[in-house]
mmCIF file of all heavy atoms, coordinates in Angstrom:
data_MODEL
# 
_entry.id   MODEL 
# 
loop_
_atom_site.group_PDB 
_atom_site.id 
_atom_site.type_symbol 
_atom_site.label_atom_id 
_atom_site.label_alt_id 
_atom_site.label_comp_id 
_atom_site.label_asym_id 
_atom_site.label_entity_id 
_atom_site.label_seq_id 
_atom_site.pdbx_PDB_ins_code 
_atom_site.Cartn_x 
_atom_site.Cartn_y 
_atom_site.Cartn_z 
_atom_site.occupancy 
_atom_site.B_iso_or_equiv 
_atom_site.pdbx_formal_charge 
_atom_site.auth_seq_id 
_atom_site.auth_comp_id 
_atom_site.auth_asym_id 
_atom_site.auth_atom_id 
_atom_site.pdbx_PDB_model_num 
ATOM 1   N N   . ALA A 1 1  ? -47.066 -47.878 -25.200 1.00 0.00 ? 1  ALA A N   1 
ATOM 2   C CA  . ALA A 1 1  ? -46.309 -47.878 -23.944 1.00 0.00 ? 1  ALA A CA  1 
ATOM 3   C C   . ALA A 1 1  ? -45.670 -46.519 -23.684 1.00 0.00 ? 1  ALA A C   1 
ATOM 4   O O   . ALA A 1 1  ? -45.503 -46.114 -22.533 1.00 0.00 ? 1  ALA A O   1 
ATOM 5   C CB  . ALA A 1 1  ? -45.247 -48.965 -23.979 1.00 0.00 ? 1  ALA A CB  1 
ATOM 6   N N   . ALA A 1 2  ? -45.298 -45.801 -24.734 1.00 0.00 ? 2  ALA A N   1 
ATOM 7   C CA  . ALA A 1 2  ? -44.618 -44.512 -24.566 1.00 0.00 ? 2  ALA A CA  1 
ATOM 8   C C   . ALA A 1 2  ? -45.584 -43.329 -24.599 1.00 0.00 ? 2  ALA A C   1 
ATOM 9   O O   . ALA A 1 2  ? -45.151 -42.185 -24.558 1.00 0.00 ? 2  ALA A O   1 
ATOM 10  C CB  . ALA A 1 2  ? -43.574 -44.337 -25.658 1.00 0.00 ? 2  ALA A CB  1 
ATOM 11  N N   . ASN A 1 3  ? -46.866 -43.569 -24.671 1.00 0.00 ? 3  ASN A N   1 
ATOM 12  C CA  . ASN A 1 3  ? -47.842 -42.501 -24.832 1.00 0.00 ? 3  ASN A CA  1 
ATOM 13  C C   . ASN A 1 3  ? -48.069 -41.758 -23.509 1.00 0.00 ? 3  ASN A C   1 
ATOM 14  O O   . ASN A 1 3  ? -48.569 -42.317 -22.553 1.00 0.00 ? 3  ASN A O   1 
ATOM 15  C CB  . ASN A 1 3  ? -49.159 -43.076 -25.357 1.00 0.00 ? 3  ASN A CB  1 
ATOM 16  C CG  . ASN A 1 3  ? -50.052 -41.998 -25.915 1.00 0.00 ? 3  ASN A CG  1 
ATOM 17  O OD1 . ASN A 1 3  ? -49.616 -40.872 -26.129 1.00 0.00 ? 3  ASN A OD1 1 
ATOM 18  N ND2 . ASN A 1 3  ? -51.296 -42.331 -26.142 1.00 0.00 ? 3  ASN A ND2 1 
ATOM 19  N N   . ARG A 1 4  ? -47.688 -40.489 -23.487 1.00 0.00 ? 4  ARG A N   1 
ATOM 20  C CA  . ARG A 1 4  ? -47.871 -39.636 -22.313 1.00 0.00 ? 4  ARG A CA  1 
ATOM 21  C C   . ARG A 1 4  ? -48.452 -38.310 -22.786 1.00 0.00 ? 4  ARG A C   1 
ATOM 22  O O   . ARG A 1 4  ? -48.309 -37.929 -23.939 1.00 0.00 ? 4  ARG A O   1 
ATOM 23  C CB  . ARG A 1 4  ? -46.529 -39.372 -21.629 1.00 0.00 ? 4  ARG A CB  1 
ATOM 24  C CG  . ARG A 1 4  ? -45.831 -40.613 -21.131 1.00 0.00 ? 4  ARG A CG  1 
ATOM 25  C CD  . ARG A 1 4  ? -44.451 -40.252 -20.626 1.00 0.00 ? 4  ARG A CD  1 
ATOM 26  N NE  . ARG A 1 4  ? -43.590 -39.847 -21.723 1.00 0.00 ? 4  ARG A NE  1 
ATOM 27  C CZ  . ARG A 1 4  ? -42.527 -40.536 -22.126 1.00 0.00 ? 4  ARG A CZ  1 
ATOM 28  N NH1 . ARG A 1 4  ? -42.159 -41.626 -21.513 1.00 0.00 ? 4  ARG A NH1 1 
ATOM 29  N NH2 . ARG A 1 4  ? -41.788 -40.116 -23.127 1.00 0.00 ? 4  ARG A NH2 1 
ATOM 30  N N   . GLN A 1 5  ? -49.062 -37.607 -21.878 1.00 0.00 ? 5  GLN A N   1 
ATOM 31  C CA  . GLN A 1 5  ? -49.582 -36.276 -22.188 1.00 0.00 ? 5  GLN A CA  1 
ATOM 32  C C   . GLN A 1 5  ? -48.443 -35.260 -22.114 1.00 0.00 ? 5  GLN A C   1 
ATOM 33  O O   . GLN A 1 5  ? -47.551 -35.380 -21.278 1.00 0.00 ? 5  GLN A O   1 
ATOM 34  C CB  . GLN A 1 5  ? -50.688 -35.893 -21.199 1.00 0.00 ? 5  GLN A CB  1 
ATOM 35  C CG  . GLN A 1 5  ? -51.951 -36.716 -21.332 1.00 0.00 ? 5  GLN A CG  1 
ATOM 36  C CD  . GLN A 1 5  ? -52.621 -36.535 -22.694 1.00 0.00 ? 5  GLN A CD  1 
ATOM 37  O OE1 . GLN A 1 5  ? -52.707 -35.439 -23.219 1.00 0.00 ? 5  GLN A OE1 1 
ATOM 38  N NE2 . GLN A 1 5  ? -53.082 -37.631 -23.274 1.00 0.00 ? 5  GLN A NE2 1 
ATOM 39  N N   . VAL A 1 6  ? -48.475 -34.286 -23.004 1.00 0.00 ? 6  VAL A N   1 
ATOM 40  C CA  . VAL A 1 6  ? -47.503 -33.196 -22.964 1.00 0.00 ? 6  VAL A CA  1 
ATOM 41  C C   . VAL A 1 6  ? -48.258 -31.899 -22.712 1.00 0.00 ? 6  VAL A C   1 
ATOM 42  O O   . VAL A 1 6  ? -49.413 -31.747 -23.113 1.00 0.00 ? 6  VAL A O   1 
ATOM 43  C CB  . VAL A 1 6  ? -46.672 -33.099 -24.262 1.00 0.00 ? 6  VAL A CB  1 
ATOM 44  C CG1 . VAL A 1 6  ? -45.719 -34.268 -24.390 1.00 0.00 ? 6  VAL A CG1 1 
ATOM 45  C CG2 . VAL A 1 6  ? -47.552 -33.026 -25.487 1.00 0.00 ? 6  VAL A CG2 1 
ATOM 46  N N   . ASN A 1 7  ? -47.591 -30.961 -22.031 1.00 0.00 ? 7  ASN A N   1 
ATOM 47  C CA  . ASN A 1 7  ? -48.292 -29.722 -21.690 1.00 0.00 ? 7  ASN A CA  1 
ATOM 48  C C   . ASN A 1 7  ? -48.381 -28.786 -22.896 1.00 0.00 ? 7  ASN A C   1 
ATOM 49  O O   . ASN A 1 7  ? -47.652 -28.925 -23.882 1.00 0.00 ? 7  ASN A O   1 
ATOM 50  C CB  . ASN A 1 7  ? -47.662 -29.048 -20.467 1.00 0.00 ? 7  ASN A CB  1 
ATOM 51  C CG  . ASN A 1 7  ? -46.271 -28.552 -20.736 1.00 0.00 ? 7  ASN A CG  1 
ATOM 52  O OD1 . ASN A 1 7  ? -46.010 -27.940 -21.763 1.00 0.00 ? 7  ASN A OD1 1 
ATOM 53  N ND2 . ASN A 1 7  ? -45.364 -28.794 -19.809 1.00 0.00 ? 7  ASN A ND2 1 
ATOM 54  N N   . LYS A 1 8  ? -49.267 -27.826 -22.793 1.00 0.00 ? 8  LYS A N   1 
ATOM 55  C CA  . LYS A 1 8  ? -49.551 -26.910 -23.900 1.00 0.00 ? 8  LYS A CA  1 
ATOM 56  C C   . LYS A 1 8  ? -48.353 -26.034 -24.237 1.00 0.00 ? 8  LYS A C   1 
ATOM 57  O O   . LYS A 1 8  ? -48.156 -25.673 -25.397 1.00 0.00 ? 8  LYS A O   1 
ATOM 58  C CB  . LYS A 1 8  ? -50.766 -26.054 -23.574 1.00 0.00 ? 8  LYS A CB  1 
ATOM 59  C CG  . LYS A 1 8  ? -52.051 -26.848 -23.544 1.00 0.00 ? 8  LYS A CG  1 
ATOM 60  C CD  . LYS A 1 8  ? -53.232 -25.986 -23.186 1.00 0.00 ? 8  LYS A CD  1 
ATOM 61  C CE  . LYS A 1 8  ? -54.481 -26.853 -23.112 1.00 0.00 ? 8  LYS A CE  1 
ATOM 62  N NZ  . LYS A 1 8  ? -55.656 -26.103 -22.721 1.00 0.00 ? 8  LYS A NZ  1 
ATOM 63  N N   . THR A 1 9  ? -47.560 -25.696 -23.259 1.00 0.00 ? 9  THR A N   1 
ATOM 64  C CA  . THR A 1 9  ? -46.372 -24.871 -23.505 1.00 0.00 ? 9  THR A CA  1 
ATOM 65  C C   . THR A 1 9  ? -45.391 -25.618 -24.402 1.00 0.00 ? 9  THR A C   1 
ATOM 66  O O   . THR A 1 9  ? -44.841 -25.048 -25.353 1.00 0.00 ? 9  THR A O   1 
ATOM 67  C CB  . THR A 1 9  ? -45.688 -24.491 -22.176 1.00 0.00 ? 9  THR A CB  1 
ATOM 68  O OG1 . THR A 1 9  ? -46.642 -23.833 -21.351 1.00 0.00 ? 9  THR A OG1 1 
ATOM 69  C CG2 . THR A 1 9  ? -44.502 -23.589 -22.409 1.00 0.00 ? 9  THR A CG2 1 
ATOM 70  N N   . PHE A 1 10 ? -45.176 -26.890 -24.123 1.00 0.00 ? 10 PHE A N   1 
ATOM 71  C CA  . PHE A 1 10 ? -44.283 -27.707 -24.943 1.00 0.00 ? 10 PHE A CA  1 
ATOM 72  C C   . PHE A 1 10 ? -44.810 -27.812 -26.367 1.00 0.00 ? 10 PHE A C   1 
ATOM 73  O O   . PHE A 1 10 ? -44.061 -27.645 -27.326 1.00 0.00 ? 10 PHE A O   1 
ATOM 74  C CB  . PHE A 1 10 ? -44.124 -29.098 -24.319 1.00 0.00 ? 10 PHE A CB  1 
ATOM 75  C CG  . PHE A 1 10 ? -43.151 -29.978 -25.041 1.00 0.00 ? 10 PHE A CG  1 
ATOM 76  C CD1 . PHE A 1 10 ? -41.789 -29.819 -24.874 1.00 0.00 ? 10 PHE A CD1 1 
ATOM 77  C CD2 . PHE A 1 10 ? -43.610 -30.982 -25.895 1.00 0.00 ? 10 PHE A CD2 1 
ATOM 78  C CE1 . PHE A 1 10 ? -40.887 -30.629 -25.546 1.00 0.00 ? 10 PHE A CE1 1 
ATOM 79  C CE2 . PHE A 1 10 ? -42.717 -31.797 -26.562 1.00 0.00 ? 10 PHE A CE2 1 
ATOM 80  C CZ  . PHE A 1 10 ? -41.351 -31.621 -26.389 1.00 0.00 ? 10 PHE A CZ  1 
ATOM 81  N N   . VAL A 1 11 ? -46.099 -28.079 -26.503 1.00 0.00 ? 11 VAL A N   1 
ATOM 82  C CA  . VAL A 1 11 ? -46.714 -28.192 -27.828 1.00 0.00 ? 11 VAL A CA  1 
ATOM 83  C C   . VAL A 1 11 ? -46.555 -26.874 -28.591 1.00 0.00 ? 11 VAL A C   1 
ATOM 84  O O   . VAL A 1 11 ? -46.165 -26.860 -29.767 1.00 0.00 ? 11 VAL A O   1 
ATOM 85  C CB  . VAL A 1 11 ? -48.207 -28.583 -27.722 1.00 0.00 ? 11 VAL A CB  1 
ATOM 86  C CG1 . VAL A 1 11 ? -48.892 -28.534 -29.085 1.00 0.00 ? 11 VAL A CG1 1 
ATOM 87  C CG2 . VAL A 1 11 ? -48.357 -29.953 -27.089 1.00 0.00 ? 11 VAL A CG2 1 
ATOM 88  N N   . PHE A 1 12 ? -46.834 -25.765 -27.927 1.00 0.00 ? 12 PHE A N   1 
ATOM 89  C CA  . PHE A 1 12 ? -46.710 -24.457 -28.570 1.00 0.00 ? 12 PHE A CA  1 
ATOM 90  C C   . PHE A 1 12 ? -45.272 -24.211 -29.026 1.00 0.00 ? 12 PHE A C   1 
ATOM 91  O O   . PHE A 1 12 ? -45.040 -23.784 -30.158 1.00 0.00 ? 12 PHE A O   1 
ATOM 92  C CB  . PHE A 1 12 ? -47.155 -23.336 -27.630 1.00 0.00 ? 12 PHE A CB  1 
ATOM 93  C CG  . PHE A 1 12 ? -46.858 -21.968 -28.172 1.00 0.00 ? 12 PHE A CG  1 
ATOM 94  C CD1 . PHE A 1 12 ? -47.668 -21.419 -29.156 1.00 0.00 ? 12 PHE A CD1 1 
ATOM 95  C CD2 . PHE A 1 12 ? -45.759 -21.249 -27.738 1.00 0.00 ? 12 PHE A CD2 1 
ATOM 96  C CE1 . PHE A 1 12 ? -47.384 -20.165 -29.690 1.00 0.00 ? 12 PHE A CE1 1 
ATOM 97  C CE2 . PHE A 1 12 ? -45.470 -20.001 -28.261 1.00 0.00 ? 12 PHE A CE2 1 
ATOM 98  C CZ  . PHE A 1 12 ? -46.287 -19.458 -29.246 1.00 0.00 ? 12 PHE A CZ  1 
ATOM 99  N N   . LEU A 1 13 ? -44.305 -24.462 -28.150 1.00 0.00 ? 13 LEU A N   1 
ATOM 100 C CA  . LEU A 1 13 ? -42.898 -24.219 -28.497 1.00 0.00 ? 13 LEU A CA  1 
ATOM 101 C C   . LEU A 1 13 ? -42.447 -25.076 -29.676 1.00 0.00 ? 13 LEU A C   1 
ATOM 102 O O   . LEU A 1 13 ? -41.766 -24.582 -30.576 1.00 0.00 ? 13 LEU A O   1 
ATOM 103 C CB  . LEU A 1 13 ? -41.993 -24.467 -27.294 1.00 0.00 ? 13 LEU A CB  1 
ATOM 104 C CG  . LEU A 1 13 ? -41.981 -23.372 -26.252 1.00 0.00 ? 13 LEU A CG  1 
ATOM 105 C CD1 . LEU A 1 13 ? -41.134 -23.788 -25.056 1.00 0.00 ? 13 LEU A CD1 1 
ATOM 106 C CD2 . LEU A 1 13 ? -41.466 -22.065 -26.837 1.00 0.00 ? 13 LEU A CD2 1 
ATOM 107 N N   . ILE A 1 14 ? -42.836 -26.330 -29.675 1.00 0.00 ? 14 ILE A N   1 
ATOM 108 C CA  . ILE A 1 14 ? -42.461 -27.210 -30.796 1.00 0.00 ? 14 ILE A CA  1 
ATOM 109 C C   . ILE A 1 14 ? -43.020 -26.672 -32.109 1.00 0.00 ? 14 ILE A C   1 
ATOM 110 O O   . ILE A 1 14 ? -42.303 -26.520 -33.094 1.00 0.00 ? 14 ILE A O   1 
ATOM 111 C CB  . ILE A 1 14 ? -42.961 -28.653 -30.553 1.00 0.00 ? 14 ILE A CB  1 
ATOM 112 C CG1 . ILE A 1 14 ? -42.153 -29.332 -29.465 1.00 0.00 ? 14 ILE A CG1 1 
ATOM 113 C CG2 . ILE A 1 14 ? -42.931 -29.474 -31.837 1.00 0.00 ? 14 ILE A CG2 1 
ATOM 114 C CD1 . ILE A 1 14 ? -40.724 -29.652 -29.850 1.00 0.00 ? 14 ILE A CD1 1 
ATOM 115 N N   . TRP A 1 15 ? -44.318 -26.366 -32.128 1.00 0.00 ? 15 TRP A N   1 
ATOM 116 C CA  . TRP A 1 15 ? -44.924 -25.893 -33.375 1.00 0.00 ? 15 TRP A CA  1 
ATOM 117 C C   . TRP A 1 15 ? -44.444 -24.500 -33.761 1.00 0.00 ? 15 TRP A C   1 
ATOM 118 O O   . TRP A 1 15 ? -44.222 -24.222 -34.940 1.00 0.00 ? 15 TRP A O   1 
ATOM 119 C CB  . TRP A 1 15 ? -46.454 -25.932 -33.295 1.00 0.00 ? 15 TRP A CB  1 
ATOM 120 C CG  . TRP A 1 15 ? -46.964 -27.316 -33.489 1.00 0.00 ? 15 TRP A CG  1 
ATOM 121 C CD1 . TRP A 1 15 ? -47.605 -28.091 -32.575 1.00 0.00 ? 15 TRP A CD1 1 
ATOM 122 C CD2 . TRP A 1 15 ? -46.857 -28.111 -34.672 1.00 0.00 ? 15 TRP A CD2 1 
ATOM 123 N NE1 . TRP A 1 15 ? -47.899 -29.313 -33.123 1.00 0.00 ? 15 TRP A NE1 1 
ATOM 124 C CE2 . TRP A 1 15 ? -47.457 -29.353 -34.407 1.00 0.00 ? 15 TRP A CE2 1 
ATOM 125 C CE3 . TRP A 1 15 ? -46.313 -27.893 -35.935 1.00 0.00 ? 15 TRP A CE3 1 
ATOM 126 C CZ2 . TRP A 1 15 ? -47.530 -30.375 -35.353 1.00 0.00 ? 15 TRP A CZ2 1 
ATOM 127 C CZ3 . TRP A 1 15 ? -46.387 -28.910 -36.873 1.00 0.00 ? 15 TRP A CZ3 1 
ATOM 128 C CH2 . TRP A 1 15 ? -46.986 -30.120 -36.580 1.00 0.00 ? 15 TRP A CH2 1 
ATOM 129 N N   . PHE A 1 16 ? -44.285 -23.626 -32.788 1.00 0.00 ? 16 PHE A N   1 
ATOM 130 C CA  . PHE A 1 16 ? -43.828 -22.276 -33.081 1.00 0.00 ? 16 PHE A CA  1 
ATOM 131 C C   . PHE A 1 16 ? -42.427 -22.299 -33.675 1.00 0.00 ? 16 PHE A C   1 
ATOM 132 O O   . PHE A 1 16 ? -42.168 -21.677 -34.709 1.00 0.00 ? 16 PHE A O   1 
ATOM 133 C CB  . PHE A 1 16 ? -43.865 -21.406 -31.820 1.00 0.00 ? 16 PHE A CB  1 
ATOM 134 C CG  . PHE A 1 16 ? -43.340 -20.025 -32.044 1.00 0.00 ? 16 PHE A CG  1 
ATOM 135 C CD1 . PHE A 1 16 ? -44.083 -19.089 -32.735 1.00 0.00 ? 16 PHE A CD1 1 
ATOM 136 C CD2 . PHE A 1 16 ? -42.080 -19.654 -31.577 1.00 0.00 ? 16 PHE A CD2 1 
ATOM 137 C CE1 . PHE A 1 16 ? -43.597 -17.810 -32.965 1.00 0.00 ? 16 PHE A CE1 1 
ATOM 138 C CE2 . PHE A 1 16 ? -41.586 -18.385 -31.801 1.00 0.00 ? 16 PHE A CE2 1 
ATOM 139 C CZ  . PHE A 1 16 ? -42.343 -17.455 -32.491 1.00 0.00 ? 16 PHE A CZ  1 
ATOM 140 N N   . LEU A 1 17 ? -41.515 -23.008 -33.033 1.00 0.00 ? 17 LEU A N   1 
ATOM 141 C CA  . LEU A 1 17 ? -40.124 -23.020 -33.500 1.00 0.00 ? 17 LEU A CA  1 
ATOM 142 C C   . LEU A 1 17 ? -39.961 -23.759 -34.822 1.00 0.00 ? 17 LEU A C   1 
ATOM 143 O O   . LEU A 1 17 ? -39.240 -23.287 -35.708 1.00 0.00 ? 17 LEU A O   1 
ATOM 144 C CB  . LEU A 1 17 ? -39.203 -23.612 -32.437 1.00 0.00 ? 17 LEU A CB  1 
ATOM 145 C CG  . LEU A 1 17 ? -39.034 -22.743 -31.193 1.00 0.00 ? 17 LEU A CG  1 
ATOM 146 C CD1 . LEU A 1 17 ? -38.249 -23.486 -30.124 1.00 0.00 ? 17 LEU A CD1 1 
ATOM 147 C CD2 . LEU A 1 17 ? -38.357 -21.425 -31.536 1.00 0.00 ? 17 LEU A CD2 1 
ATOM 148 N N   . THR A 1 18 ? -40.637 -24.882 -35.002 1.00 0.00 ? 18 THR A N   1 
ATOM 149 C CA  . THR A 1 18 ? -40.522 -25.572 -36.288 1.00 0.00 ? 18 THR A CA  1 
ATOM 150 C C   . THR A 1 18 ? -41.190 -24.769 -37.404 1.00 0.00 ? 18 THR A C   1 
ATOM 151 O O   . THR A 1 18 ? -40.667 -24.692 -38.511 1.00 0.00 ? 18 THR A O   1 
ATOM 152 C CB  . THR A 1 18 ? -41.105 -27.002 -36.227 1.00 0.00 ? 18 THR A CB  1 
ATOM 153 O OG1 . THR A 1 18 ? -42.444 -26.947 -35.753 1.00 0.00 ? 18 THR A OG1 1 
ATOM 154 C CG2 . THR A 1 18 ? -40.277 -27.902 -35.348 1.00 0.00 ? 18 THR A CG2 1 
ATOM 155 N N   . GLY A 1 19 ? -42.325 -24.158 -37.110 1.00 0.00 ? 19 GLY A N   1 
ATOM 156 C CA  . GLY A 1 19 ? -42.982 -23.308 -38.111 1.00 0.00 ? 19 GLY A CA  1 
ATOM 157 C C   . GLY A 1 19 ? -42.153 -22.096 -38.469 1.00 0.00 ? 19 GLY A C   1 
ATOM 158 O O   . GLY A 1 19 ? -42.024 -21.728 -39.643 1.00 0.00 ? 19 GLY A O   1 
ATOM 159 N N   . LEU A 1 20 ? -41.566 -21.468 -37.465 1.00 0.00 ? 20 LEU A N   1 
ATOM 160 C CA  . LEU A 1 20 ? -40.706 -20.311 -37.700 1.00 0.00 ? 20 LEU A CA  1 
ATOM 161 C C   . LEU A 1 20 ? -39.486 -20.697 -38.523 1.00 0.00 ? 20 LEU A C   1 
ATOM 162 O O   . LEU A 1 20 ? -39.074 -19.972 -39.432 1.00 0.00 ? 20 LEU A O   1 
ATOM 163 C CB  . LEU A 1 20 ? -40.275 -19.703 -36.357 1.00 0.00 ? 20 LEU A CB  1 
ATOM 164 C CG  . LEU A 1 20 ? -39.419 -18.449 -36.414 1.00 0.00 ? 20 LEU A CG  1 
ATOM 165 C CD1 . LEU A 1 20 ? -40.181 -17.301 -37.082 1.00 0.00 ? 20 LEU A CD1 1 
ATOM 166 C CD2 . LEU A 1 20 ? -38.989 -18.057 -34.999 1.00 0.00 ? 20 LEU A CD2 1 
ATOM 167 N N   . PHE A 1 21 ? -38.920 -21.849 -38.233 1.00 0.00 ? 21 PHE A N   1 
ATOM 168 C CA  . PHE A 1 21 ? -37.771 -22.345 -38.982 1.00 0.00 ? 21 PHE A CA  1 
ATOM 169 C C   . PHE A 1 21 ? -38.119 -22.529 -40.455 1.00 0.00 ? 21 PHE A C   1 
ATOM 170 O O   . PHE A 1 21 ? -37.440 -21.997 -41.338 1.00 0.00 ? 21 PHE A O   1 
ATOM 171 C CB  . PHE A 1 21 ? -37.307 -23.669 -38.367 1.00 0.00 ? 21 PHE A CB  1 
ATOM 172 C CG  . PHE A 1 21 ? -36.275 -24.403 -39.160 1.00 0.00 ? 21 PHE A CG  1 
ATOM 173 C CD1 . PHE A 1 21 ? -35.025 -23.864 -39.394 1.00 0.00 ? 21 PHE A CD1 1 
ATOM 174 C CD2 . PHE A 1 21 ? -36.557 -25.667 -39.661 1.00 0.00 ? 21 PHE A CD2 1 
ATOM 175 C CE1 . PHE A 1 21 ? -34.068 -24.558 -40.116 1.00 0.00 ? 21 PHE A CE1 1 
ATOM 176 C CE2 . PHE A 1 21 ? -35.606 -26.369 -40.376 1.00 0.00 ? 21 PHE A CE2 1 
ATOM 177 C CZ  . PHE A 1 21 ? -34.365 -25.815 -40.606 1.00 0.00 ? 21 PHE A CZ  1 
ATOM 178 N N   . VAL A 1 22 ? -39.187 -23.235 -40.736 1.00 0.00 ? 22 VAL A N   1 
ATOM 179 C CA  . VAL A 1 22 ? -39.574 -23.507 -42.121 1.00 0.00 ? 22 VAL A CA  1 
ATOM 180 C C   . VAL A 1 22 ? -39.964 -22.211 -42.836 1.00 0.00 ? 22 VAL A C   1 
ATOM 181 O O   . VAL A 1 22 ? -39.549 -21.970 -43.981 1.00 0.00 ? 22 VAL A O   1 
ATOM 182 C CB  . VAL A 1 22 ? -40.719 -24.548 -42.173 1.00 0.00 ? 22 VAL A CB  1 
ATOM 183 C CG1 . VAL A 1 22 ? -41.284 -24.687 -43.578 1.00 0.00 ? 22 VAL A CG1 1 
ATOM 184 C CG2 . VAL A 1 22 ? -40.239 -25.887 -41.644 1.00 0.00 ? 22 VAL A CG2 1 
ATOM 185 N N   . PHE A 1 23 ? -40.721 -21.361 -42.173 1.00 0.00 ? 23 PHE A N   1 
ATOM 186 C CA  . PHE A 1 23 ? -41.127 -20.087 -42.775 1.00 0.00 ? 23 PHE A CA  1 
ATOM 187 C C   . PHE A 1 23 ? -39.911 -19.209 -43.074 1.00 0.00 ? 23 PHE A C   1 
ATOM 188 O O   . PHE A 1 23 ? -39.840 -18.579 -44.135 1.00 0.00 ? 23 PHE A O   1 
ATOM 189 C CB  . PHE A 1 23 ? -42.103 -19.346 -41.857 1.00 0.00 ? 23 PHE A CB  1 
ATOM 190 C CG  . PHE A 1 23 ? -42.527 -18.011 -42.381 1.00 0.00 ? 23 PHE A CG  1 
ATOM 191 C CD1 . PHE A 1 23 ? -43.429 -17.924 -43.432 1.00 0.00 ? 23 PHE A CD1 1 
ATOM 192 C CD2 . PHE A 1 23 ? -41.998 -16.843 -41.846 1.00 0.00 ? 23 PHE A CD2 1 
ATOM 193 C CE1 . PHE A 1 23 ? -43.813 -16.678 -43.929 1.00 0.00 ? 23 PHE A CE1 1 
ATOM 194 C CE2 . PHE A 1 23 ? -42.370 -15.610 -42.340 1.00 0.00 ? 23 PHE A CE2 1 
ATOM 195 C CZ  . PHE A 1 23 ? -43.280 -15.523 -43.391 1.00 0.00 ? 23 PHE A CZ  1 
ATOM 196 N N   . SER A 1 24 ? -38.951 -19.172 -42.161 1.00 0.00 ? 24 SER A N   1 
ATOM 197 C CA  . SER A 1 24 ? -37.744 -18.366 -42.362 1.00 0.00 ? 24 SER A CA  1 
ATOM 198 C C   . SER A 1 24 ? -36.939 -18.872 -43.554 1.00 0.00 ? 24 SER A C   1 
ATOM 199 O O   . SER A 1 24 ? -36.471 -18.082 -44.385 1.00 0.00 ? 24 SER A O   1 
ATOM 200 C CB  . SER A 1 24 ? -36.861 -18.389 -41.111 1.00 0.00 ? 24 SER A CB  1 
ATOM 201 O OG  . SER A 1 24 ? -37.541 -17.844 -40.027 1.00 0.00 ? 24 SER A OG  1 
ATOM 202 N N   . LEU A 1 25 ? -36.784 -20.185 -43.646 1.00 0.00 ? 25 LEU A N   1 
ATOM 203 C CA  . LEU A 1 25 ? -36.061 -20.746 -44.789 1.00 0.00 ? 25 LEU A CA  1 
ATOM 204 C C   . LEU A 1 25 ? -36.780 -20.458 -46.097 1.00 0.00 ? 25 LEU A C   1 
ATOM 205 O O   . LEU A 1 25 ? -36.158 -20.043 -47.080 1.00 0.00 ? 25 LEU A O   1 
ATOM 206 C CB  . LEU A 1 25 ? -35.863 -22.255 -44.616 1.00 0.00 ? 25 LEU A CB  1 
ATOM 207 C CG  . LEU A 1 25 ? -34.842 -22.697 -43.588 1.00 0.00 ? 25 LEU A CG  1 
ATOM 208 C CD1 . LEU A 1 25 ? -34.824 -24.216 -43.490 1.00 0.00 ? 25 LEU A CD1 1 
ATOM 209 C CD2 . LEU A 1 25 ? -33.467 -22.170 -43.904 1.00 0.00 ? 25 LEU A CD2 1 
# 
């Protein structure tokens, strides 16, 4: 019921910021 498409910019930002966070730590 909650399944929606997300745009590529959102996907990129999520992965970039979480990856940067983990890599920095």
